[in-house]
Amino acid sequence: MPIYTCTTAQGTLTADAKGELATEITRIHAEINHVPLAYVNVVFSELPQDSVYVGGEPGAPLLIGGWARRGHPQEETTRLALELSAAASRITGIPTASWW
């Protein structure tokens, strides 16, 4: 089962944003990889603000890591990454330059 971990500094995302982002990650993964929605797991991890740095300075990036089984065509993997990035920016308001 695929798992996505979204890591941010505390207070970066509202509960509504987390819910919407989890819904979109699930929808996008299920659509592209042809799996049921119930297969997709999304976990949010919030770190203390003084524990998150970007370029050596305190920051509030959005880090999305994903694990899924091997064997998907490269074009689907690329589409997945692009659609996830667009959804994350749209939902959170965090510019794509501030998330990985």
Protein backbone atom coordinates (compact mmCIF):
# COMPACT_ATOMS: atom_id res chain seq x y z
CA MET A 1 0.00 0.00 0.00
CA PRO A 2 1.37 3.43 -0.90
CA ILE A 3 2.13 5.88 1.89
CA TYR A 4 2.69 9.60 1.57
CA THR A 5 4.23 11.60 4.42
CA CYS A 6 3.69 15.36 4.47
CA THR A 7 6.13 17.11 6.80
CA THR A 8 5.84 20.77 7.80
CA ALA A 9 6.67 23.11 10.63
CA GLN A 10 3.92 23.34 13.24
CA GLY A 11 1.14 25.69 12.25
CA THR A 12 2.01 25.72 8.54
CA LEU A 13 -1.16 23.90 7.45
CA THR A 14 -4.68 24.21 8.81
CA ALA A 15 -6.74 21.11 9.55
CA ASP A 16 -8.87 21.92 6.49
CA ALA A 17 -5.78 22.16 4.27
CA LYS A 18 -4.52 18.82 5.57
CA GLY A 19 -7.85 17.17 4.84
CA GLU A 20 -8.07 18.64 1.36
CA LEU A 21 -4.46 17.74 0.59
CA ALA A 22 -4.94 14.16 1.83
CA THR A 23 -8.06 13.85 -0.35
CA GLU A 24 -6.23 15.13 -3.43
CA ILE A 25 -3.13 12.98 -2.88
CA THR A 26 -5.39 9.95 -2.53
CA ARG A 27 -7.46 10.81 -5.61
CA ILE A 28 -4.43 11.51 -7.80
CA HIS A 29 -2.55 8.37 -6.75
CA ALA A 30 -5.61 6.13 -7.15
CA GLU A 31 -6.46 7.58 -10.56
CA ILE A 32 -2.97 7.32 -12.02
CA ASN A 33 -2.06 3.96 -10.50
CA HIS A 34 -5.49 2.36 -10.89
CA VAL A 35 -5.95 1.35 -7.24
CA PRO A 36 -8.84 1.76 -4.80
CA LEU A 37 -8.86 4.94 -2.70
CA ALA A 38 -8.63 2.80 0.46
CA TYR A 39 -5.15 1.63 -0.57
CA VAL A 40 -3.62 5.11 -0.27
CA ASN A 41 -2.30 6.33 3.10
CA VAL A 42 -1.42 9.97 3.89
CA VAL A 43 0.30 10.93 7.14
CA PHE A 44 1.09 14.45 8.38
CA SER A 45 4.08 15.15 10.58
CA GLU A 46 4.57 18.56 12.17
CA LEU A 47 7.93 19.55 13.60
CA PRO A 48 8.60 22.41 16.02
CA GLN A 49 9.24 25.62 14.07
CA ASP A 50 12.78 25.81 15.45
CA SER A 51 13.50 22.39 13.92
CA VAL A 52 12.87 23.24 10.26
CA TYR A 53 15.46 25.08 8.18
CA VAL A 54 15.81 25.88 4.50
CA GLY A 55 19.18 27.09 3.26
CA GLY A 56 20.39 27.34 6.86
CA GLU A 57 17.54 29.67 7.83
CA PRO A 58 14.28 28.91 9.69
CA GLY A 59 11.64 27.98 7.15
CA ALA A 60 8.22 26.48 6.58
CA PRO A 61 8.54 24.17 3.58
CA LEU A 62 6.16 21.39 2.68
CA LEU A 63 8.00 18.09 2.27
CA ILE A 64 6.02 15.31 0.59
CA GLY A 65 7.58 11.87 0.46
CA GLY A 66 5.90 8.92 -1.14
CA TRP A 67 6.41 5.17 -1.24
CA ALA A 68 4.70 2.93 -3.75
CA ARG A 69 5.52 -0.37 -5.36
CA ARG A 70 7.88 -0.56 -8.31
CA GLY A 71 6.84 -1.21 -11.86
CA HIS A 72 4.88 1.89 -12.83
CA PRO A 73 5.76 3.41 -16.23
CA GLN A 74 8.02 6.47 -16.00
CA GLU A 75 5.43 8.73 -17.67
CA GLU A 76 2.88 7.83 -14.96
CA THR A 77 5.43 8.51 -12.22
CA THR A 78 6.22 11.90 -13.76
CA ARG A 79 2.51 12.72 -14.11
CA LEU A 80 1.98 11.72 -10.47
CA ALA A 81 4.74 14.07 -9.26
CA LEU A 82 3.49 16.97 -11.39
CA GLU A 83 -0.13 16.58 -10.33
CA LEU A 84 0.81 16.25 -6.67
CA SER A 85 2.92 19.41 -6.85
CA ALA A 86 0.15 21.39 -8.52
CA ALA A 87 -2.42 20.20 -5.97
CA ALA A 88 -0.13 20.95 -3.01
CA SER A 89 0.54 24.50 -4.21
CA ARG A 90 -3.11 25.15 -4.99
CA ILE A 91 -4.40 23.81 -1.66
CA THR A 92 -1.74 25.15 0.71
CA GLY A 93 -0.75 28.37 -1.00
CA ILE A 94 2.88 27.32 -0.51
CA PRO A 95 4.76 28.12 -3.73
CA THR A 96 6.30 25.15 -5.51
CA ALA A 97 9.76 26.57 -4.80
CA SER A 98 9.11 26.00 -1.07
CA TRP A 99 8.22 22.34 -1.12
CA TRP A 100 9.95 19.14 -2.11
